[in-house]
């Protein structure tokens, strides 16, 4: 009752971030799907799920794009895997510059959100 409205909003923001982390851990990284029966196995699976949520958040932040989500990140890494496979199989000898150009093009194939670079504030 004694908190200012700014503090209440701040606390709700933090609470919802925790809710989003649980949602992502369940939806994308198997938090509710593991079949471990030992205490250690359950702890390891839960910790791995949250580690992946944190790692994904770090990777998304490093991309510097707005509107990028975990599905987009998964799609990008899947595209890189496919592009690597194609380059190895089809282009027996490829130039590094061409490989990066091909990876960038294949990377956008399965994206849900098109890349938008974050604009710098003046």
PDB file of N, CA and C in Angstrom:
ATOM      1  N   UNK A   1       0.815  -1.196   0.000  1.00  0.00           N
ATOM      2  CA  UNK A   1       0.000   0.000   0.000  1.00  0.00           C
ATOM      3  C   UNK A   1       0.860   1.263   0.000  1.00  0.00           C
ATOM      4  N   UNK A   2       2.115   1.132   0.437  1.00  0.00           N
ATOM      5  CA  UNK A   2       2.977   2.306   0.529  1.00  0.00           C
ATOM      6  C   UNK A   2       3.852   2.505  -0.703  1.00  0.00           C
ATOM      7  N   UNK A   3       3.747   1.610  -1.698  1.00  0.00           N
ATOM      8  CA  UNK A   3       4.598   1.718  -2.889  1.00  0.00           C
ATOM      9  C   UNK A   3       4.066   2.771  -3.852  1.00  0.00           C
ATOM     10  N   UNK A   4       4.988   3.427  -4.528  1.00  0.00           N
ATOM     11  CA  UNK A   4       4.587   4.378  -5.566  1.00  0.00           C
ATOM     12  C   UNK A   4       4.140   3.592  -6.795  1.00  0.00           C
ATOM     13  N   UNK A   5       3.415   4.237  -7.693  1.00  0.00           N
ATOM     14  CA  UNK A   5       2.929   3.552  -8.877  1.00  0.00           C
ATOM     15  C   UNK A   5       4.089   3.122  -9.767  1.00  0.00           C
ATOM     16  N   UNK A   6       5.196   3.881  -9.768  1.00  0.00           N
ATOM     17  CA  UNK A   6       6.352   3.503 -10.571  1.00  0.00           C
ATOM     18  C   UNK A   6       6.943   2.171 -10.107  1.00  0.00           C
ATOM     19  N   UNK A   7       7.018   1.987  -8.783  1.00  0.00           N
ATOM     20  CA  UNK A   7       7.548   0.736  -8.229  1.00  0.00           C
ATOM     21  C   UNK A   7       6.627  -0.434  -8.550  1.00  0.00           C
ATOM     22  N   UNK A   8       5.320  -0.220  -8.459  1.00  0.00           N
ATOM     23  CA  UNK A   8       4.365  -1.291  -8.759  1.00  0.00           C
ATOM     24  C   UNK A   8       4.493  -1.724 -10.217  1.00  0.00           C
ATOM     25  N   UNK A   9       4.603  -0.762 -11.124  1.00  0.00           N
ATOM     26  CA  UNK A   9       4.777  -1.078 -12.546  1.00  0.00           C
ATOM     27  C   UNK A   9       6.080  -1.829 -12.761  1.00  0.00           C
ATOM     28  N   UNK A  10       7.148  -1.387 -12.103  1.00  0.00           N
ATOM     29  CA  UNK A  10       8.444  -2.059 -12.226  1.00  0.00           C
ATOM     30  C   UNK A  10       8.355  -3.514 -11.754  1.00  0.00           C
ATOM     31  N   UNK A  11       7.710  -3.740 -10.610  1.00  0.00           N
ATOM     32  CA  UNK A  11       7.572  -5.102 -10.075  1.00  0.00           C
ATOM     33  C   UNK A  11       6.733  -5.978 -11.001  1.00  0.00           C
ATOM     34  N   UNK A  12       5.668  -5.418 -11.585  1.00  0.00           N
ATOM     35  CA  UNK A  12       4.851  -6.199 -12.517  1.00  0.00           C
ATOM     36  C   UNK A  12       5.642  -6.558 -13.771  1.00  0.00           C
ATOM     37  N   UNK A  13       6.469  -5.631 -14.246  1.00  0.00           N
ATOM     38  CA  UNK A  13       7.327  -5.927 -15.398  1.00  0.00           C
ATOM     39  C   UNK A  13       8.236  -7.107 -15.092  1.00  0.00           C
ATOM     40  N   UNK A  14       8.849  -7.081 -13.920  1.00  0.00           N
ATOM     41  CA  UNK A  14       9.732  -8.180 -13.526  1.00  0.00           C
ATOM     42  C   UNK A  14       8.956  -9.481 -13.398  1.00  0.00           C
ATOM     43  N   UNK A  15       7.772  -9.434 -12.812  1.00  0.00           N
ATOM     44  CA  UNK A  15       6.948 -10.631 -12.657  1.00  0.00           C
ATOM     45  C   UNK A  15       6.599 -11.221 -14.016  1.00  0.00           C
ATOM     46  N   UNK A  16       6.192 -10.380 -14.964  1.00  0.00           N
ATOM     47  CA  UNK A  16       5.814 -10.896 -16.268  1.00  0.00           C
ATOM     48  C   UNK A  16       7.014 -11.442 -17.024  1.00  0.00           C
ATOM     49  N   UNK A  17       8.184 -10.894 -16.798  1.00  0.00           N
ATOM     50  CA  UNK A  17       9.381 -11.468 -17.425  1.00  0.00           C
ATOM     51  C   UNK A  17       9.620 -12.877 -16.902  1.00  0.00           C
ATOM     52  N   UNK A  18       9.394 -13.090 -15.619  1.00  0.00           N
ATOM     53  CA  UNK A  18       9.521 -14.433 -15.050  1.00  0.00           C
ATOM     54  C   UNK A  18       8.486 -15.366 -15.690  1.00  0.00           C
ATOM     55  N   UNK A  19       7.248 -14.880 -15.848  1.00  0.00           N
ATOM     56  CA  UNK A  19       6.200 -15.683 -16.493  1.00  0.00           C
ATOM     57  C   UNK A  19       6.594 -16.039 -17.929  1.00  0.00           C
ATOM     58  N   UNK A  20       7.157 -15.077 -18.656  1.00  0.00           N
ATOM     59  CA  UNK A  20       7.582 -15.334 -20.027  1.00  0.00           C
ATOM     60  C   UNK A  20       8.708 -16.362 -20.070  1.00  0.00           C
ATOM     61  N   UNK A  21       9.622 -16.303 -19.107  1.00  0.00           N
ATOM     62  CA  UNK A  21      10.708 -17.278 -19.056  1.00  0.00           C
ATOM     63  C   UNK A  21      10.173 -18.688 -18.834  1.00  0.00           C
ATOM     64  N   UNK A  22       9.200 -18.838 -17.934  1.00  0.00           N
ATOM     65  CA  UNK A  22       8.584 -20.151 -17.717  1.00  0.00           C
ATOM     66  C   UNK A  22       7.861 -20.619 -18.976  1.00  0.00           C
ATOM     67  N   UNK A  23       7.125 -19.710 -19.621  1.00  0.00           N
ATOM     68  CA  UNK A  23       6.422 -20.072 -20.856  1.00  0.00           C
ATOM     69  C   UNK A  23       7.398 -20.559 -21.929  1.00  0.00           C
ATOM     70  N   UNK A  24       8.489 -19.804 -22.118  1.00  0.00           N
ATOM     71  CA  UNK A  24       9.476 -20.190 -23.127  1.00  0.00           C
ATOM     72  C   UNK A  24      10.140 -21.518 -22.782  1.00  0.00           C
ATOM     73  N   UNK A  25      10.439 -21.723 -21.507  1.00  0.00           N
ATOM     74  CA  UNK A  25      11.068 -22.985 -21.088  1.00  0.00           C
ATOM     75  C   UNK A  25      10.140 -24.155 -21.362  1.00  0.00           C
ATOM     76  N   UNK A  26       8.837 -23.978 -21.145  1.00  0.00           N
ATOM     77  CA  UNK A  26       7.875 -25.054 -21.403  1.00  0.00           C
ATOM     78  C   UNK A  26       7.632 -25.238 -22.890  1.00  0.00           C
ATOM     79  N   UNK A  27       7.440 -24.143 -23.593  1.00  0.00           N
ATOM     80  CA  UNK A  27       7.042 -24.195 -24.995  1.00  0.00           C
ATOM     81  C   UNK A  27       8.176 -24.609 -25.922  1.00  0.00           C
ATOM     82  N   UNK A  28       9.374 -24.132 -25.666  1.00  0.00           N
ATOM     83  CA  UNK A  28      10.469 -24.345 -26.611  1.00  0.00           C
ATOM     84  C   UNK A  28      11.534 -25.320 -26.134  1.00  0.00           C
ATOM     85  N   UNK A  29      11.682 -25.496 -24.831  1.00  0.00           N
ATOM     86  CA  UNK A  29      12.821 -26.265 -24.331  1.00  0.00           C
ATOM     87  C   UNK A  29      12.442 -27.402 -23.391  1.00  0.00           C
ATOM     88  N   UNK A  30      11.209 -27.885 -23.490  1.00  0.00           N
ATOM     89  CA  UNK A  30      10.809 -29.129 -22.851  1.00  0.00           C
ATOM     90  C   UNK A  30      10.715 -29.143 -21.343  1.00  0.00           C
ATOM     91  N   UNK A  31      10.451 -28.014 -20.713  1.00  0.00           N
ATOM     92  CA  UNK A  31      10.377 -28.002 -19.253  1.00  0.00           C
ATOM     93  C   UNK A  31       9.291 -28.938 -18.730  1.00  0.00           C
ATOM     94  N   UNK A  32       8.158 -29.030 -19.430  1.00  0.00           N
ATOM     95  CA  UNK A  32       7.097 -29.899 -18.927  1.00  0.00           C
ATOM     96  C   UNK A  32       7.052 -31.256 -19.623  1.00  0.00           C
ATOM     97  N   UNK A  33       8.024 -31.546 -20.478  1.00  0.00           N
ATOM     98  CA  UNK A  33       7.999 -32.799 -21.235  1.00  0.00           C
ATOM     99  C   UNK A  33       9.037 -33.821 -20.804  1.00  0.00           C
ATOM    100  N   UNK A  34       9.953 -33.464 -19.915  1.00  0.00           N
ATOM    101  CA  UNK A  34      10.997 -34.415 -19.570  1.00  0.00           C
ATOM    102  C   UNK A  34      10.414 -35.563 -18.754  1.00  0.00           C
ATOM    103  N   UNK A  35      11.042 -36.716 -18.850  1.00  0.00           N
ATOM    104  CA  UNK A  35      10.508 -37.938 -18.228  1.00  0.00           C
ATOM    105  C   UNK A  35      11.431 -38.480 -17.145  1.00  0.00           C
ATOM    106  N   UNK A  36      12.155 -37.630 -16.489  1.00  0.00           N
ATOM    107  CA  UNK A  36      13.072 -38.074 -15.441  1.00  0.00           C
ATOM    108  C   UNK A  36      12.300 -38.442 -14.177  1.00  0.00           C
ATOM    109  N   UNK A  37      12.837 -39.417 -13.450  1.00  0.00           N
ATOM    110  CA  UNK A  37      12.167 -39.851 -12.233  1.00  0.00           C
ATOM    111  C   UNK A  37      13.020 -39.626 -10.993  1.00  0.00           C
ATOM    112  N   UNK A  38      14.285 -39.358 -11.179  1.00  0.00           N
ATOM    113  CA  UNK A  38      15.146 -39.122 -10.027  1.00  0.00           C
ATOM    114  C   UNK A  38      15.208 -37.617  -9.745  1.00  0.00           C
ATOM    115  N   UNK A  39      15.503 -37.290  -8.517  1.00  0.00           N
ATOM    116  CA  UNK A  39      15.605 -35.880  -8.135  1.00  0.00           C
ATOM    117  C   UNK A  39      16.678 -35.176  -8.953  1.00  0.00           C
ATOM    118  N   UNK A  40      17.803 -35.829  -9.115  1.00  0.00           N
ATOM    119  CA  UNK A  40      18.912 -35.230  -9.874  1.00  0.00           C
ATOM    120  C   UNK A  40      18.523 -35.032 -11.339  1.00  0.00           C
ATOM    121  N   UNK A  41      17.852 -36.022 -11.923  1.00  0.00           N
ATOM    122  CA  UNK A  41      17.424 -35.904 -13.319  1.00  0.00           C
ATOM    123  C   UNK A  41      16.443 -34.762 -13.531  1.00  0.00           C
ATOM    124  N   UNK A  42      15.506 -34.591 -12.605  1.00  0.00           N
ATOM    125  CA  UNK A  42      14.540 -33.495 -12.697  1.00  0.00           C
ATOM    126  C   UNK A  42      15.251 -32.153 -12.573  1.00  0.00           C
ATOM    127  N   UNK A  43      16.173 -32.030 -11.618  1.00  0.00           N
ATOM    128  CA  UNK A  43      16.926 -30.784 -11.454  1.00  0.00           C
ATOM    129  C   UNK A  43      17.734 -30.469 -12.715  1.00  0.00           C
ATOM    130  N   UNK A  44      18.400 -31.480 -13.262  1.00  0.00           N
ATOM    131  CA  UNK A  44      19.206 -31.259 -14.468  1.00  0.00           C
ATOM    132  C   UNK A  44      18.346 -30.814 -15.645  1.00  0.00           C
ATOM    133  N   UNK A  45      17.192 -31.468 -15.845  1.00  0.00           N
ATOM    134  CA  UNK A  45      16.317 -31.119 -16.966  1.00  0.00           C
ATOM    135  C   UNK A  45      15.754 -29.707 -16.806  1.00  0.00           C
ATOM    136  N   UNK A  46      15.323 -29.364 -15.592  1.00  0.00           N
ATOM    137  CA  UNK A  46      14.786 -28.019 -15.349  1.00  0.00           C
ATOM    138  C   UNK A  46      15.872 -26.963 -15.550  1.00  0.00           C
ATOM    139  N   UNK A  47      17.053 -27.219 -15.015  1.00  0.00           N
ATOM    140  CA  UNK A  47      18.151 -26.256 -15.181  1.00  0.00           C
ATOM    141  C   UNK A  47      18.552 -26.107 -16.640  1.00  0.00           C
ATOM    142  N   UNK A  48      18.555 -27.205 -17.384  1.00  0.00           N
ATOM    143  CA  UNK A  48      18.890 -27.134 -18.808  1.00  0.00           C
ATOM    144  C   UNK A  48      17.852 -26.313 -19.567  1.00  0.00           C
ATOM    145  N   UNK A  49      16.575 -26.482 -19.249  1.00  0.00           N
ATOM    146  CA  UNK A  49      15.523 -25.702 -19.906  1.00  0.00           C
ATOM    147  C   UNK A  49      15.729 -24.207 -19.676  1.00  0.00           C
ATOM    148  N   UNK A  50      16.001 -23.824 -18.429  1.00  0.00           N
ATOM    149  CA  UNK A  50      16.192 -22.400 -18.137  1.00  0.00           C
ATOM    150  C   UNK A  50      17.520 -21.880 -18.680  1.00  0.00           C
ATOM    151  N   UNK A  51      18.532 -22.722 -18.738  1.00  0.00           N
ATOM    152  CA  UNK A  51      19.790 -22.322 -19.372  1.00  0.00           C
ATOM    153  C   UNK A  51      19.541 -21.975 -20.838  1.00  0.00           C
ATOM    154  N   UNK A  52      18.738 -22.794 -21.513  1.00  0.00           N
ATOM    155  CA  UNK A  52      18.443 -22.539 -22.921  1.00  0.00           C
ATOM    156  C   UNK A  52      17.625 -21.255 -23.099  1.00  0.00           C
ATOM    157  N   UNK A  53      16.726 -20.968 -22.176  1.00  0.00           N
ATOM    158  CA  UNK A  53      15.972 -19.710 -22.237  1.00  0.00           C
ATOM    159  C   UNK A  53      16.931 -18.530 -22.125  1.00  0.00           C
ATOM    160  N   UNK A  54      17.861 -18.594 -21.162  1.00  0.00           N
ATOM    161  CA  UNK A  54      18.822 -17.505 -20.974  1.00  0.00           C
ATOM    162  C   UNK A  54      19.771 -17.381 -22.160  1.00  0.00           C
ATOM    163  N   UNK A  55      20.248 -18.503 -22.672  1.00  0.00           N
ATOM    164  CA  UNK A  55      21.138 -18.482 -23.831  1.00  0.00           C
ATOM    165  C   UNK A  55      20.424 -17.898 -25.045  1.00  0.00           C
ATOM    166  N   UNK A  56      19.183 -18.290 -25.251  1.00  0.00           N
ATOM    167  CA  UNK A  56      18.406 -17.752 -26.368  1.00  0.00           C
ATOM    168  C   UNK A  56      18.214 -16.247 -26.231  1.00  0.00           C
ATOM    169  N   UNK A  57      17.912 -15.797 -25.025  1.00  0.00           N
ATOM    170  CA  UNK A  57      17.739 -14.353 -24.800  1.00  0.00           C
ATOM    171  C   UNK A  57      19.027 -13.601 -25.119  1.00  0.00           C
ATOM    172  N   UNK A  58      20.154 -14.165 -24.733  1.00  0.00           N
ATOM    173  CA  UNK A  58      21.451 -13.538 -25.022  1.00  0.00           C
ATOM    174  C   UNK A  58      21.706 -13.483 -26.529  1.00  0.00           C
ATOM    175  N   UNK A  59      21.431 -14.597 -27.226  1.00  0.00           N
ATOM    176  CA  UNK A  59      21.625 -14.630 -28.677  1.00  0.00           C
ATOM    177  C   UNK A  59      20.705 -13.651 -29.396  1.00  0.00           C
ATOM    178  N   UNK A  60      19.454 -13.561 -28.951  1.00  0.00           N
ATOM    179  CA  UNK A  60      18.516 -12.610 -29.550  1.00  0.00           C
ATOM    180  C   UNK A  60      19.009 -11.183 -29.328  1.00  0.00           C
ATOM    181  N   UNK A  61      19.478 -10.881 -28.121  1.00  0.00           N
ATOM    182  CA  UNK A  61      19.974  -9.541 -27.819  1.00  0.00           C
ATOM    183  C   UNK A  61      21.198  -9.186 -28.661  1.00  0.00           C
ATOM    184  N   UNK A  62      22.075 -10.165 -28.886  1.00  0.00           N
ATOM    185  CA  UNK A  62      23.281  -9.915 -29.678  1.00  0.00           C
ATOM    186  C   UNK A  62      22.973  -9.675 -31.151  1.00  0.00           C
ATOM    187  N   UNK A  63      21.848 -10.194 -31.634  1.00  0.00           N
ATOM    188  CA  UNK A  63      21.472  -9.990 -33.040  1.00  0.00           C
ATOM    189  C   UNK A  63      21.162  -8.523 -33.314  1.00  0.00           C
ATOM    190  N   UNK A  64      20.670  -7.809 -32.305  1.00  0.00           N
ATOM    191  CA  UNK A  64      20.392  -6.387 -32.470  1.00  0.00           C
ATOM    192  C   UNK A  64      19.191  -6.099 -33.353  1.00  0.00           C
ATOM    193  N   UNK A  65      18.275  -7.049 -33.488  1.00  0.00           N
ATOM    194  CA  UNK A  65      17.089  -6.853 -34.309  1.00  0.00           C
ATOM    195  C   UNK A  65      15.868  -6.743 -33.406  1.00  0.00           C
ATOM    196  N   UNK A  66      14.938  -5.892 -33.793  1.00  0.00           N
ATOM    197  CA  UNK A  66      13.712  -5.764 -33.013  1.00  0.00           C
ATOM    198  C   UNK A  66      12.700  -6.796 -33.497  1.00  0.00           C
ATOM    199  N   UNK A  67      11.892  -7.298 -32.581  1.00  0.00           N
ATOM    200  CA  UNK A  67      10.850  -8.237 -32.941  1.00  0.00           C
ATOM    201  C   UNK A  67      11.322  -9.660 -33.169  1.00  0.00           C
ATOM    202  N   UNK A  68      12.560  -9.963 -32.839  1.00  0.00           N
ATOM    203  CA  UNK A  68      13.110 -11.299 -33.039  1.00  0.00           C
ATOM    204  C   UNK A  68      12.725 -12.172 -31.850  1.00  0.00           C
ATOM    205  N   UNK A  69      12.226 -13.380 -32.119  1.00  0.00           N
ATOM    206  CA  UNK A  69      11.830 -14.288 -31.058  1.00  0.00           C
ATOM    207  C   UNK A  69      12.583 -15.604 -31.124  1.00  0.00           C
ATOM    208  N   UNK A  70      12.239 -16.503 -30.213  1.00  0.00           N
ATOM    209  CA  UNK A  70      12.920 -17.793 -30.149  1.00  0.00           C
ATOM    210  C   UNK A  70      12.663 -18.609 -31.409  1.00  0.00           C
ATOM    211  N   UNK A  71      11.432 -18.563 -31.935  1.00  0.00           N
ATOM    212  CA  UNK A  71      11.157 -19.303 -33.173  1.00  0.00           C
ATOM    213  C   UNK A  71      12.012 -18.794 -34.324  1.00  0.00           C
ATOM    214  N   UNK A  72      12.199 -17.475 -34.397  1.00  0.00           N
ATOM    215  CA  UNK A  72      13.069 -16.906 -35.426  1.00  0.00           C
ATOM    216  C   UNK A  72      14.507 -17.372 -35.244  1.00  0.00           C
ATOM    217  N   UNK A  73      14.957 -17.394 -34.011  1.00  0.00           N
ATOM    218  CA  UNK A  73      16.322 -17.837 -33.704  1.00  0.00           C
ATOM    219  C   UNK A  73      16.513 -19.301 -34.104  1.00  0.00           C
ATOM    220  N   UNK A  74      15.551 -20.142 -33.749  1.00  0.00           N
ATOM    221  CA  UNK A  74      15.627 -21.553 -34.118  1.00  0.00           C
ATOM    222  C   UNK A  74      15.637 -21.713 -35.640  1.00  0.00           C
ATOM    223  N   UNK A  75      14.827 -20.915 -36.310  1.00  0.00           N
ATOM    224  CA  UNK A  75      14.767 -20.953 -37.767  1.00  0.00           C
ATOM    225  C   UNK A  75      16.104 -20.534 -38.385  1.00  0.00           C
ATOM    226  N   UNK A  76      16.727 -19.513 -37.826  1.00  0.00           N
ATOM    227  CA  UNK A  76      18.013 -19.054 -38.347  1.00  0.00           C
ATOM    228  C   UNK A  76      19.078 -20.136 -38.218  1.00  0.00           C
ATOM    229  N   UNK A  77      19.152 -20.776 -37.067  1.00  0.00           N
ATOM    230  CA  UNK A  77      20.174 -21.810 -36.880  1.00  0.00           C
ATOM    231  C   UNK A  77      19.884 -23.051 -37.711  1.00  0.00           C
ATOM    232  N   UNK A  78      18.610 -23.356 -37.919  1.00  0.00           N
ATOM    233  CA  UNK A  78      18.246 -24.463 -38.804  1.00  0.00           C
ATOM    234  C   UNK A  78      18.663 -24.135 -40.239  1.00  0.00           C
ATOM    235  N   UNK A  79      18.439 -22.892 -40.648  1.00  0.00           N
ATOM    236  CA  UNK A  79      18.833 -22.458 -41.992  1.00  0.00           C
ATOM    237  C   UNK A  79      20.349 -22.525 -42.170  1.00  0.00           C
ATOM    238  N   UNK A  80      21.093 -22.142 -41.141  1.00  0.00           N
ATOM    239  CA  UNK A  80      22.555 -22.222 -41.217  1.00  0.00           C
ATOM    240  C   UNK A  80      22.996 -23.672 -41.373  1.00  0.00           C
ATOM    241  N   UNK A  81      22.354 -24.564 -40.642  1.00  0.00           N
ATOM    242  CA  UNK A  81      22.676 -25.988 -40.752  1.00  0.00           C
ATOM    243  C   UNK A  81      22.415 -26.483 -42.177  1.00  0.00           C
ATOM    244  N   UNK A  82      21.250 -26.117 -42.735  1.00  0.00           N
ATOM    245  CA  UNK A  82      20.920 -26.545 -44.096  1.00  0.00           C
ATOM    246  C   UNK A  82      21.869 -25.936 -45.117  1.00  0.00           C
ATOM    247  N   UNK A  83      22.196 -24.653 -44.933  1.00  0.00           N
ATOM    248  CA  UNK A  83      23.100 -23.993 -45.873  1.00  0.00           C
ATOM    249  C   UNK A  83      24.484 -24.636 -45.822  1.00  0.00           C
ATOM    250  N   UNK A  84      24.970 -24.947 -44.626  1.00  0.00           N
ATOM    251  CA  UNK A  84      26.260 -25.631 -44.505  1.00  0.00           C
ATOM    252  C   UNK A  84      26.228 -26.963 -45.241  1.00  0.00           C
ATOM    253  N   UNK A  85      25.142 -27.707 -45.063  1.00  0.00           N
ATOM    254  CA  UNK A  85      25.019 -29.006 -45.712  1.00  0.00           C
ATOM    255  C   UNK A  85      25.019 -28.854 -47.230  1.00  0.00           C
ATOM    256  N   UNK A  86      24.261 -27.866 -47.730  1.00  0.00           N
ATOM    257  CA  UNK A  86      24.203 -27.632 -49.181  1.00  0.00           C
ATOM    258  C   UNK A  86      25.568 -27.243 -49.716  1.00  0.00           C
ATOM    259  N   UNK A  87      26.252 -26.356 -49.016  1.00  0.00           N
ATOM    260  CA  UNK A  87      27.569 -25.904 -49.474  1.00  0.00           C
ATOM    261  C   UNK A  87      28.540 -27.069 -49.525  1.00  0.00           C
ATOM    262  N   UNK A  88      28.522 -27.902 -48.503  1.00  0.00           N
ATOM    263  CA  UNK A  88      29.430 -29.052 -48.473  1.00  0.00           C
ATOM    264  C   UNK A  88      29.111 -30.027 -49.597  1.00  0.00           C
ATOM    265  N   UNK A  89      27.832 -30.303 -49.806  1.00  0.00           N
ATOM    266  CA  UNK A  89      27.420 -31.297 -50.798  1.00  0.00           C
ATOM    267  C   UNK A  89      27.503 -30.797 -52.230  1.00  0.00           C
ATOM    268  N   UNK A  90      27.084 -29.563 -52.471  1.00  0.00           N
ATOM    269  CA  UNK A  90      26.967 -29.066 -53.834  1.00  0.00           C
ATOM    270  C   UNK A  90      28.205 -28.305 -54.285  1.00  0.00           C
ATOM    271  N   UNK A  91      28.681 -27.414 -53.475  1.00  0.00           N
ATOM    272  CA  UNK A  91      29.824 -26.586 -53.848  1.00  0.00           C
ATOM    273  C   UNK A  91      31.085 -27.162 -53.212  1.00  0.00           C
ATOM    274  N   UNK A  92      31.666 -28.123 -53.828  1.00  0.00           N
ATOM    275  CA  UNK A  92      32.824 -28.818 -53.241  1.00  0.00           C
ATOM    276  C   UNK A  92      33.889 -27.846 -52.763  1.00  0.00           C
ATOM    277  N   UNK A  93      34.155 -26.814 -53.528  1.00  0.00           N
ATOM    278  CA  UNK A  93      35.129 -25.793 -53.130  1.00  0.00           C
ATOM    279  C   UNK A  93      34.413 -24.449 -53.223  1.00  0.00           C
ATOM    280  N   UNK A  94      34.232 -23.801 -52.085  1.00  0.00           N
ATOM    281  CA  UNK A  94      33.513 -22.532 -52.057  1.00  0.00           C
ATOM    282  C   UNK A  94      34.378 -21.446 -51.432  1.00  0.00           C
ATOM    283  N   UNK A  95      34.201 -20.237 -51.938  1.00  0.00           N
ATOM    284  CA  UNK A  95      34.928 -19.101 -51.388  1.00  0.00           C
ATOM    285  C   UNK A  95      34.254 -18.646 -50.096  1.00  0.00           C
ATOM    286  N   UNK A  96      35.028 -18.253 -49.073  1.00  0.00           N
ATOM    287  CA  UNK A  96      34.422 -17.819 -47.805  1.00  0.00           C
ATOM    288  C   UNK A  96      33.435 -16.665 -47.959  1.00  0.00           C
ATOM    289  N   UNK A  97      33.710 -15.719 -48.847  1.00  0.00           N
ATOM    290  CA  UNK A  97      32.805 -14.585 -49.034  1.00  0.00           C
ATOM    291  C   UNK A  97      31.467 -15.075 -49.571  1.00  0.00           C
ATOM    292  N   UNK A  98      31.518 -15.988 -50.519  1.00  0.00           N
ATOM    293  CA  UNK A  98      30.289 -16.518 -51.097  1.00  0.00           C
ATOM    294  C   UNK A  98      29.505 -17.327 -50.063  1.00  0.00           C
ATOM    295  N   UNK A  99      30.197 -18.038 -49.193  1.00  0.00           N
ATOM    296  CA  UNK A  99      29.535 -18.820 -48.153  1.00  0.00           C
ATOM    297  C   UNK A  99      28.725 -17.898 -47.244  1.00  0.00           C
ATOM    298  N   UNK A 100      29.306 -16.783 -46.815  1.00  0.00           N
ATOM    299  CA  UNK A 100      28.589 -15.847 -45.937  1.00  0.00           C
ATOM    300  C   UNK A 100      27.380 -15.243 -46.636  1.00  0.00           C
ATOM    301  N   UNK A 101      27.506 -14.943 -47.908  1.00  0.00           N
ATOM    302  CA  UNK A 101      26.384 -14.390 -48.671  1.00  0.00           C
ATOM    303  C   UNK A 101      25.262 -15.429 -48.770  1.00  0.00           C
ATOM    304  N   UNK A 102      25.615 -16.678 -49.061  1.00  0.00           N
ATOM    305  CA  UNK A 102      24.620 -17.746 -49.153  1.00  0.00           C
ATOM    306  C   UNK A 102      23.958 -17.969 -47.803  1.00  0.00           C
ATOM    307  N   UNK A 103      24.747 -17.970 -46.719  1.00  0.00           N
ATOM    308  CA  UNK A 103      24.178 -18.157 -45.380  1.00  0.00           C
ATOM    309  C   UNK A 103      23.175 -17.054 -45.048  1.00  0.00           C
ATOM    310  N   UNK A 104      23.501 -15.812 -45.407  1.00  0.00           N
ATOM    311  CA  UNK A 104      22.577 -14.705 -45.142  1.00  0.00           C
ATOM    312  C   UNK A 104      21.263 -14.879 -45.898  1.00  0.00           C
ATOM    313  N   UNK A 105      21.342 -15.339 -47.143  1.00  0.00           N
ATOM    314  CA  UNK A 105      20.131 -15.524 -47.942  1.00  0.00           C
ATOM    315  C   UNK A 105      19.303 -16.696 -47.430  1.00  0.00           C
ATOM    316  N   UNK A 106      19.935 -17.816 -47.105  1.00  0.00           N
ATOM    317  CA  UNK A 106      19.212 -18.980 -46.611  1.00  0.00           C
ATOM    318  C   UNK A 106      18.649 -18.709 -45.231  1.00  0.00           C
ATOM    319  N   UNK A 107      19.340 -17.900 -44.462  1.00  0.00           N
ATOM    320  CA  UNK A 107      18.930 -17.568 -43.102  1.00  0.00           C
ATOM    321  C   UNK A 107      17.539 -16.957 -43.063  1.00  0.00           C
ATOM    322  N   UNK A 108      17.159 -16.218 -44.080  1.00  0.00           N
ATOM    323  CA  UNK A 108      15.865 -15.536 -44.075  1.00  0.00           C
ATOM    324  C   UNK A 108      14.731 -16.410 -44.597  1.00  0.00           C
ATOM    325  N   UNK A 109      15.004 -17.630 -45.040  1.00  0.00           N
ATOM    326  CA  UNK A 109      13.962 -18.476 -45.629  1.00  0.00           C
ATOM    327  C   UNK A 109      12.840 -18.827 -44.648  1.00  0.00           C
ATOM    328  N   UNK A 110      13.171 -19.268 -43.460  1.00  0.00           N
ATOM    329  CA  UNK A 110      12.151 -19.730 -42.532  1.00  0.00           C
ATOM    330  C   UNK A 110      11.772 -18.733 -41.466  1.00  0.00           C
ATOM    331  N   UNK A 111      12.162 -17.491 -41.632  1.00  0.00           N
ATOM    332  CA  UNK A 111      11.916 -16.489 -40.595  1.00  0.00           C
ATOM    333  C   UNK A 111      10.448 -16.158 -40.469  1.00  0.00           C
ATOM    334  N   UNK A 112      10.018 -15.952 -39.266  1.00  0.00           N
ATOM    335  CA  UNK A 112       8.652 -15.502 -39.004  1.00  0.00           C
ATOM    336  C   UNK A 112       8.603 -13.989 -39.121  1.00  0.00           C
ATOM    337  N   UNK A 113       9.574 -13.318 -38.542  1.00  0.00           N
ATOM    338  CA  UNK A 113       9.664 -11.859 -38.613  1.00  0.00           C
ATOM    339  C   UNK A 113      10.846 -11.493 -39.489  1.00  0.00           C
ATOM    340  N   UNK A 114      10.642 -10.581 -40.399  1.00  0.00           N
ATOM    341  CA  UNK A 114      11.747 -10.126 -41.246  1.00  0.00           C
ATOM    342  C   UNK A 114      12.707  -9.295 -40.411  1.00  0.00           C
ATOM    343  N   UNK A 115      14.015  -9.384 -40.731  1.00  0.00           N
ATOM    344  CA  UNK A 115      15.002  -8.661 -39.907  1.00  0.00           C
ATOM    345  C   UNK A 115      14.823  -7.149 -39.989  1.00  0.00           C
ATOM    346  N   UNK A 116      14.892  -6.535 -38.829  1.00  0.00           N
ATOM    347  CA  UNK A 116      14.856  -5.084 -38.713  1.00  0.00           C
ATOM    348  C   UNK A 116      15.956  -4.702 -37.752  1.00  0.00           C
ATOM    349  N   UNK A 117      16.930  -3.985 -38.210  1.00  0.00           N
ATOM    350  CA  UNK A 117      18.007  -3.589 -37.313  1.00  0.00           C
ATOM    351  C   UNK A 117      17.508  -2.508 -36.373  1.00  0.00           C
ATOM    352  N   UNK A 118      17.977  -2.578 -35.138  1.00  0.00           N
ATOM    353  CA  UNK A 118      17.567  -1.580 -34.133  1.00  0.00           C
ATOM    354  C   UNK A 118      18.159  -0.238 -34.507  1.00  0.00           C
ATOM    355  N   UNK A 119      17.351   0.792 -34.420  1.00  0.00           N
ATOM    356  CA  UNK A 119      17.835   2.122 -34.748  1.00  0.00           C
ATOM    357  C   UNK A 119      18.428   2.768 -33.507  1.00  0.00           C
ATOM    358  N   UNK A 120      19.519   3.476 -33.714  1.00  0.00           N
ATOM    359  CA  UNK A 120      20.212   4.138 -32.600  1.00  0.00           C
ATOM    360  C   UNK A 120      19.457   5.399 -32.218  1.00  0.00           C
ATOM    361  N   UNK A 121      19.365   5.666 -30.943  1.00  0.00           N
ATOM    362  CA  UNK A 121      18.711   6.879 -30.464  1.00  0.00           C
ATOM    363  C   UNK A 121      19.646   8.062 -30.609  1.00  0.00           C
ATOM    364  N   UNK A 122      19.121   9.220 -31.056  1.00  0.00           N
ATOM    365  CA  UNK A 122      20.005  10.404 -31.193  1.00  0.00           C
ATOM    366  C   UNK A 122      20.383  10.984 -29.867  1.00  0.00           C
TER     367      UNK A 122
END
